[in-house]
Amino acid sequence: MDIAEAVYSESAATAKCGELLVKLRGKLSKNKTYPLERNVADEQPRVGVYVCHCDANIGRVVNVKKTC
């Protein structure tokens, strides 16, 4: 199969898939649900720090083993 024939076949397959999926369009998405918010006005602030040593950019600047 040459390039032109491959592109032609791919286009036909894509069109056929579109035909088969048209009746499902817009029916597979779901609305996002979020947890209820709670009032934290009277609580002490909390801070979390996550340091990943998997990237060379951080590893060049921070000694992760000594930091943790």
PDB file of N, CA and C in Angstrom:
ATOM      1  N   MET A   1       0.859  -1.164   0.000  1.00  0.00           N
ATOM      2  CA  MET A   1       0.000   0.000   0.000  1.00  0.00           C
ATOM      3  C   MET A   1       0.910   1.234   0.000  1.00  0.00           C
ATOM      4  N   ASP A   2       0.672   2.150  -0.923  1.00  0.00           N
ATOM      5  CA  ASP A   2       1.475   3.374  -0.945  1.00  0.00           C
ATOM      6  C   ASP A   2       0.850   4.425  -0.022  1.00  0.00           C
ATOM      7  N   ILE A   3       1.508   5.566   0.109  1.00  0.00           N
ATOM      8  CA  ILE A   3       1.068   6.590   1.064  1.00  0.00           C
ATOM      9  C   ILE A   3      -0.318   7.111   0.731  1.00  0.00           C
ATOM     10  N   ALA A   4      -0.570   7.410  -0.537  1.00  0.00           N
ATOM     11  CA  ALA A   4      -1.880   7.950  -0.920  1.00  0.00           C
ATOM     12  C   ALA A   4      -3.001   6.962  -0.597  1.00  0.00           C
ATOM     13  N   GLU A   5      -2.783   5.692  -0.875  1.00  0.00           N
ATOM     14  CA  GLU A   5      -3.800   4.676  -0.596  1.00  0.00           C
ATOM     15  C   GLU A   5      -4.011   4.509   0.907  1.00  0.00           C
ATOM     16  N   ALA A   6      -2.922   4.604   1.682  1.00  0.00           N
ATOM     17  CA  ALA A   6      -3.034   4.492   3.134  1.00  0.00           C
ATOM     18  C   ALA A   6      -3.838   5.653   3.707  1.00  0.00           C
ATOM     19  N   VAL A   7      -3.590   6.857   3.202  1.00  0.00           N
ATOM     20  CA  VAL A   7      -4.333   8.025   3.674  1.00  0.00           C
ATOM     21  C   VAL A   7      -5.805   7.898   3.298  1.00  0.00           C
ATOM     22  N   TYR A   8      -6.079   7.436   2.094  1.00  0.00           N
ATOM     23  CA  TYR A   8      -7.458   7.250   1.641  1.00  0.00           C
ATOM     24  C   TYR A   8      -8.179   6.231   2.527  1.00  0.00           C
ATOM     25  N   SER A   9      -7.521   5.106   2.825  1.00  0.00           N
ATOM     26  CA  SER A   9      -8.125   4.068   3.656  1.00  0.00           C
ATOM     27  C   SER A   9      -8.355   4.569   5.074  1.00  0.00           C
ATOM     28  N   GLU A  10      -7.395   5.324   5.602  1.00  0.00           N
ATOM     29  CA  GLU A  10      -7.526   5.867   6.959  1.00  0.00           C
ATOM     30  C   GLU A  10      -8.691   6.832   7.031  1.00  0.00           C
ATOM     31  N   SER A  11      -8.862   7.652   6.012  1.00  0.00           N
ATOM     32  CA  SER A  11      -9.973   8.609   5.991  1.00  0.00           C
ATOM     33  C   SER A  11     -11.315   7.888   5.956  1.00  0.00           C
ATOM     34  N   ALA A  12     -11.395   6.830   5.183  1.00  0.00           N
ATOM     35  CA  ALA A  12     -12.633   6.059   5.106  1.00  0.00           C
ATOM     36  C   ALA A  12     -12.942   5.389   6.445  1.00  0.00           C
ATOM     37  N   ALA A  13     -11.920   4.845   7.087  1.00  0.00           N
ATOM     38  CA  ALA A  13     -12.122   4.201   8.380  1.00  0.00           C
ATOM     39  C   ALA A  13     -12.563   5.223   9.430  1.00  0.00           C
ATOM     40  N   THR A  14     -11.981   6.402   9.395  1.00  0.00           N
ATOM     41  CA  THR A  14     -12.358   7.456  10.336  1.00  0.00           C
ATOM     42  C   THR A  14     -13.806   7.880  10.122  1.00  0.00           C
ATOM     43  N   ALA A  15     -14.212   8.019   8.872  1.00  0.00           N
ATOM     44  CA  ALA A  15     -15.590   8.399   8.564  1.00  0.00           C
ATOM     45  C   ALA A  15     -16.568   7.332   9.048  1.00  0.00           C
ATOM     46  N   LYS A  16     -16.226   6.071   8.865  1.00  0.00           N
ATOM     47  CA  LYS A  16     -17.092   4.977   9.311  1.00  0.00           C
ATOM     48  C   LYS A  16     -17.222   4.974  10.839  1.00  0.00           C
ATOM     49  N   CYS A  17     -16.113   5.201  11.529  1.00  0.00           N
ATOM     50  CA  CYS A  17     -16.164   5.282  12.995  1.00  0.00           C
ATOM     51  C   CYS A  17     -17.058   6.431  13.438  1.00  0.00           C
ATOM     52  N   GLY A  18     -16.968   7.564  12.742  1.00  0.00           N
ATOM     53  CA  GLY A  18     -17.825   8.706  13.055  1.00  0.00           C
ATOM     54  C   GLY A  18     -19.287   8.368  12.889  1.00  0.00           C
ATOM     55  N   GLU A  19     -19.611   7.630  11.841  1.00  0.00           N
ATOM     56  CA  GLU A  19     -21.002   7.200  11.619  1.00  0.00           C
ATOM     57  C   GLU A  19     -21.498   6.328  12.770  1.00  0.00           C
ATOM     58  N   LEU A  20     -20.663   5.389  13.194  1.00  0.00           N
ATOM     59  CA  LEU A  20     -21.060   4.461  14.244  1.00  0.00           C
ATOM     60  C   LEU A  20     -21.204   5.157  15.607  1.00  0.00           C
ATOM     61  N   LEU A  21     -20.433   6.203  15.825  1.00  0.00           N
ATOM     62  CA  LEU A  21     -20.429   6.851  17.139  1.00  0.00           C
ATOM     63  C   LEU A  21     -21.363   8.048  17.244  1.00  0.00           C
ATOM     64  N   VAL A  22     -21.967   8.467  16.138  1.00  0.00           N
ATOM     65  CA  VAL A  22     -22.777   9.685  16.156  1.00  0.00           C
ATOM     66  C   VAL A  22     -23.939   9.596  17.151  1.00  0.00           C
ATOM     67  N   LYS A  23     -24.539   8.409  17.313  1.00  0.00           N
ATOM     68  CA  LYS A  23     -25.673   8.286  18.234  1.00  0.00           C
ATOM     69  C   LYS A  23     -25.242   8.391  19.703  1.00  0.00           C
ATOM     70  N   LEU A  24     -23.941   8.223  19.988  1.00  0.00           N
ATOM     71  CA  LEU A  24     -23.436   8.324  21.356  1.00  0.00           C
ATOM     72  C   LEU A  24     -22.893   9.715  21.681  1.00  0.00           C
ATOM     73  N   ARG A  25     -22.782  10.568  20.683  1.00  0.00           N
ATOM     74  CA  ARG A  25     -22.174  11.879  20.890  1.00  0.00           C
ATOM     75  C   ARG A  25     -22.903  12.653  21.981  1.00  0.00           C
ATOM     76  N   GLY A  26     -22.157  13.127  22.957  1.00  0.00           N
ATOM     77  CA  GLY A  26     -22.716  13.920  24.040  1.00  0.00           C
ATOM     78  C   GLY A  26     -23.346  13.112  25.160  1.00  0.00           C
ATOM     79  N   LYS A  27     -23.348  11.789  25.063  1.00  0.00           N
ATOM     80  CA  LYS A  27     -24.002  10.962  26.074  1.00  0.00           C
ATOM     81  C   LYS A  27     -23.009  10.268  27.008  1.00  0.00           C
ATOM     82  N   LEU A  28     -21.733  10.341  26.707  1.00  0.00           N
ATOM     83  CA  LEU A  28     -20.749   9.636  27.518  1.00  0.00           C
ATOM     84  C   LEU A  28     -20.072  10.545  28.533  1.00  0.00           C
ATOM     85  N   SER A  29     -20.307  11.833  28.453  1.00  0.00           N
ATOM     86  CA  SER A  29     -19.673  12.742  29.411  1.00  0.00           C
ATOM     87  C   SER A  29     -20.452  12.747  30.718  1.00  0.00           C
ATOM     88  N   LYS A  30     -19.745  13.048  31.792  1.00  0.00           N
ATOM     89  CA  LYS A  30     -20.360  13.057  33.112  1.00  0.00           C
ATOM     90  C   LYS A  30     -20.147  14.425  33.741  1.00  0.00           C
ATOM     91  N   ASN A  31     -21.113  14.867  34.515  1.00  0.00           N
ATOM     92  CA  ASN A  31     -20.957  16.115  35.249  1.00  0.00           C
ATOM     93  C   ASN A  31     -19.993  15.888  36.410  1.00  0.00           C
ATOM     94  N   LYS A  32     -19.142  16.883  36.645  1.00  0.00           N
ATOM     95  CA  LYS A  32     -18.218  16.782  37.765  1.00  0.00           C
ATOM     96  C   LYS A  32     -18.966  17.015  39.067  1.00  0.00           C
ATOM     97  N   THR A  33     -18.599  16.245  40.070  1.00  0.00           N
ATOM     98  CA  THR A  33     -19.169  16.453  41.403  1.00  0.00           C
ATOM     99  C   THR A  33     -18.036  16.841  42.334  1.00  0.00           C
ATOM    100  N   TYR A  34     -18.297  17.813  43.169  1.00  0.00           N
ATOM    101  CA  TYR A  34     -17.295  18.322  44.085  1.00  0.00           C
ATOM    102  C   TYR A  34     -17.759  18.102  45.520  1.00  0.00           C
ATOM    103  N   PRO A  35     -16.822  17.872  46.434  1.00  0.00           N
ATOM    104  CA  PRO A  35     -17.223  17.719  47.833  1.00  0.00           C
ATOM    105  C   PRO A  35     -17.734  19.047  48.382  1.00  0.00           C
ATOM    106  N   LEU A  36     -18.573  18.983  49.389  1.00  0.00           N
ATOM    107  CA  LEU A  36     -19.076  20.197  50.012  1.00  0.00           C
ATOM    108  C   LEU A  36     -17.933  20.930  50.706  1.00  0.00           C
ATOM    109  N   GLU A  37     -17.978  22.250  50.626  1.00  0.00           N
ATOM    110  CA  GLU A  37     -16.958  23.051  51.302  1.00  0.00           C
ATOM    111  C   GLU A  37     -17.315  23.162  52.770  1.00  0.00           C
ATOM    112  N   ARG A  38     -16.286  23.276  53.606  1.00  0.00           N
ATOM    113  CA  ARG A  38     -16.539  23.462  55.021  1.00  0.00           C
ATOM    114  C   ARG A  38     -15.880  24.762  55.467  1.00  0.00           C
ATOM    115  N   ASN A  39     -16.393  25.350  56.489  1.00  0.00           N
ATOM    116  CA  ASN A  39     -15.875  26.609  56.998  1.00  0.00           C
ATOM    117  C   ASN A  39     -14.614  26.331  57.820  1.00  0.00           C
ATOM    118  N   VAL A  40     -13.499  26.879  57.401  1.00  0.00           N
ATOM    119  CA  VAL A  40     -12.233  26.677  58.099  1.00  0.00           C
ATOM    120  C   VAL A  40     -11.723  27.983  58.712  1.00  0.00           C
ATOM    121  N   ALA A  41     -12.602  28.948  58.852  1.00  0.00           N
ATOM    122  CA  ALA A  41     -12.198  30.272  59.335  1.00  0.00           C
ATOM    123  C   ALA A  41     -11.599  30.220  60.729  1.00  0.00           C
ATOM    124  N   ASP A  42     -12.049  29.339  61.595  1.00  0.00           N
ATOM    125  CA  ASP A  42     -11.561  29.283  62.974  1.00  0.00           C
ATOM    126  C   ASP A  42     -10.421  28.286  63.177  1.00  0.00           C
ATOM    127  N   GLU A  43      -9.934  27.650  62.105  1.00  0.00           N
ATOM    128  CA  GLU A  43      -8.856  26.664  62.212  1.00  0.00           C
ATOM    129  C   GLU A  43      -7.498  27.321  61.965  1.00  0.00           C
ATOM    130  N   GLN A  44      -6.467  26.722  62.570  1.00  0.00           N
ATOM    131  CA  GLN A  44      -5.107  27.192  62.332  1.00  0.00           C
ATOM    132  C   GLN A  44      -4.702  26.827  60.898  1.00  0.00           C
ATOM    133  N   PRO A  45      -3.966  27.707  60.219  1.00  0.00           N
ATOM    134  CA  PRO A  45      -3.507  27.372  58.865  1.00  0.00           C
ATOM    135  C   PRO A  45      -2.541  26.190  58.879  1.00  0.00           C
ATOM    136  N   ARG A  46      -2.602  25.376  57.855  1.00  0.00           N
ATOM    137  CA  ARG A  46      -1.696  24.243  57.715  1.00  0.00           C
ATOM    138  C   ARG A  46      -1.008  24.355  56.365  1.00  0.00           C
ATOM    139  N   VAL A  47       0.260  23.990  56.330  1.00  0.00           N
ATOM    140  CA  VAL A  47       1.035  24.068  55.101  1.00  0.00           C
ATOM    141  C   VAL A  47       1.675  22.706  54.856  1.00  0.00           C
ATOM    142  N   GLY A  48       1.565  22.223  53.643  1.00  0.00           N
ATOM    143  CA  GLY A  48       2.209  20.971  53.258  1.00  0.00           C
ATOM    144  C   GLY A  48       3.225  21.239  52.167  1.00  0.00           C
ATOM    145  N   VAL A  49       4.368  20.592  52.236  1.00  0.00           N
ATOM    146  CA  VAL A  49       5.409  20.759  51.224  1.00  0.00           C
ATOM    147  C   VAL A  49       5.748  19.381  50.679  1.00  0.00           C
ATOM    148  N   TYR A  50       5.696  19.260  49.388  1.00  0.00           N
ATOM    149  CA  TYR A  50       6.035  18.010  48.718  1.00  0.00           C
ATOM    150  C   TYR A  50       7.260  18.252  47.847  1.00  0.00           C
ATOM    151  N   VAL A  51       8.310  17.489  48.069  1.00  0.00           N
ATOM    152  CA  VAL A  51       9.530  17.632  47.292  1.00  0.00           C
ATOM    153  C   VAL A  51       9.777  16.316  46.573  1.00  0.00           C
ATOM    154  N   CYS A  52       9.870  16.394  45.271  1.00  0.00           N
ATOM    155  CA  CYS A  52      10.117  15.205  44.451  1.00  0.00           C
ATOM    156  C   CYS A  52      11.562  15.233  43.977  1.00  0.00           C
ATOM    157  N   HIS A  53      12.264  14.158  44.152  1.00  0.00           N
ATOM    158  CA  HIS A  53      13.661  14.084  43.724  1.00  0.00           C
ATOM    159  C   HIS A  53      13.803  13.451  42.345  1.00  0.00           C
ATOM    160  N   CYS A  54      12.682  13.241  41.640  1.00  0.00           N
ATOM    161  CA  CYS A  54      12.734  12.535  40.366  1.00  0.00           C
ATOM    162  C   CYS A  54      13.142  13.441  39.205  1.00  0.00           C
ATOM    163  N   ASP A  55      13.154  14.743  39.384  1.00  0.00           N
ATOM    164  CA  ASP A  55      13.487  15.646  38.296  1.00  0.00           C
ATOM    165  C   ASP A  55      14.862  16.244  38.538  1.00  0.00           C
ATOM    166  N   ALA A  56      15.665  16.313  37.501  1.00  0.00           N
ATOM    167  CA  ALA A  56      17.018  16.841  37.630  1.00  0.00           C
ATOM    168  C   ALA A  56      17.017  18.324  37.967  1.00  0.00           C
ATOM    169  N   ASN A  57      15.990  19.058  37.580  1.00  0.00           N
ATOM    170  CA  ASN A  57      15.955  20.488  37.877  1.00  0.00           C
ATOM    171  C   ASN A  57      15.950  20.746  39.374  1.00  0.00           C
ATOM    172  N   ILE A  58      15.163  20.004  40.127  1.00  0.00           N
ATOM    173  CA  ILE A  58      15.111  20.172  41.574  1.00  0.00           C
ATOM    174  C   ILE A  58      16.377  19.590  42.210  1.00  0.00           C
ATOM    175  N   GLY A  59      16.806  18.451  41.728  1.00  0.00           N
ATOM    176  CA  GLY A  59      17.968  17.772  42.285  1.00  0.00           C
ATOM    177  C   GLY A  59      19.251  18.575  42.180  1.00  0.00           C
ATOM    178  N   ARG A  60      19.345  19.476  41.203  1.00  0.00           N
ATOM    179  CA  ARG A  60      20.530  20.313  41.073  1.00  0.00           C
ATOM    180  C   ARG A  60      20.564  21.435  42.117  1.00  0.00           C
ATOM    181  N   VAL A  61      19.405  21.806  42.626  1.00  0.00           N
ATOM    182  CA  VAL A  61      19.314  22.957  43.528  1.00  0.00           C
ATOM    183  C   VAL A  61      19.124  22.538  44.979  1.00  0.00           C
ATOM    184  N   VAL A  62      18.354  21.472  45.214  1.00  0.00           N
ATOM    185  CA  VAL A  62      17.994  21.064  46.573  1.00  0.00           C
ATOM    186  C   VAL A  62      18.529  19.664  46.831  1.00  0.00           C
ATOM    187  N   ASN A  63      19.161  19.479  47.975  1.00  0.00           N
ATOM    188  CA  ASN A  63      19.566  18.144  48.400  1.00  0.00           C
ATOM    189  C   ASN A  63      18.357  17.524  49.102  1.00  0.00           C
ATOM    190  N   VAL A  64      17.586  16.749  48.362  1.00  0.00           N
ATOM    191  CA  VAL A  64      16.320  16.224  48.848  1.00  0.00           C
ATOM    192  C   VAL A  64      16.509  15.330  50.073  1.00  0.00           C
ATOM    193  N   LYS A  65      17.524  14.502  50.089  1.00  0.00           N
ATOM    194  CA  LYS A  65      17.736  13.597  51.219  1.00  0.00           C
ATOM    195  C   LYS A  65      17.981  14.363  52.517  1.00  0.00           C
ATOM    196  N   LYS A  66      18.742  15.457  52.450  1.00  0.00           N
ATOM    197  CA  LYS A  66      18.990  16.245  53.650  1.00  0.00           C
ATOM    198  C   LYS A  66      17.776  17.084  54.032  1.00  0.00           C
ATOM    199  N   THR A  67      16.955  17.440  53.059  1.00  0.00           N
ATOM    200  CA  THR A  67      15.785  18.265  53.305  1.00  0.00           C
ATOM    201  C   THR A  67      14.714  17.498  54.066  1.00  0.00           C
ATOM    202  N   CYS A  68      14.538  16.238  53.728  1.00  0.00           N
ATOM    203  CA  CYS A  68      13.500  15.422  54.367  1.00  0.00           C
ATOM    204  C   CYS A  68      13.984  14.936  55.638  1.00  0.00           C
TER     205      CYS A  68
END
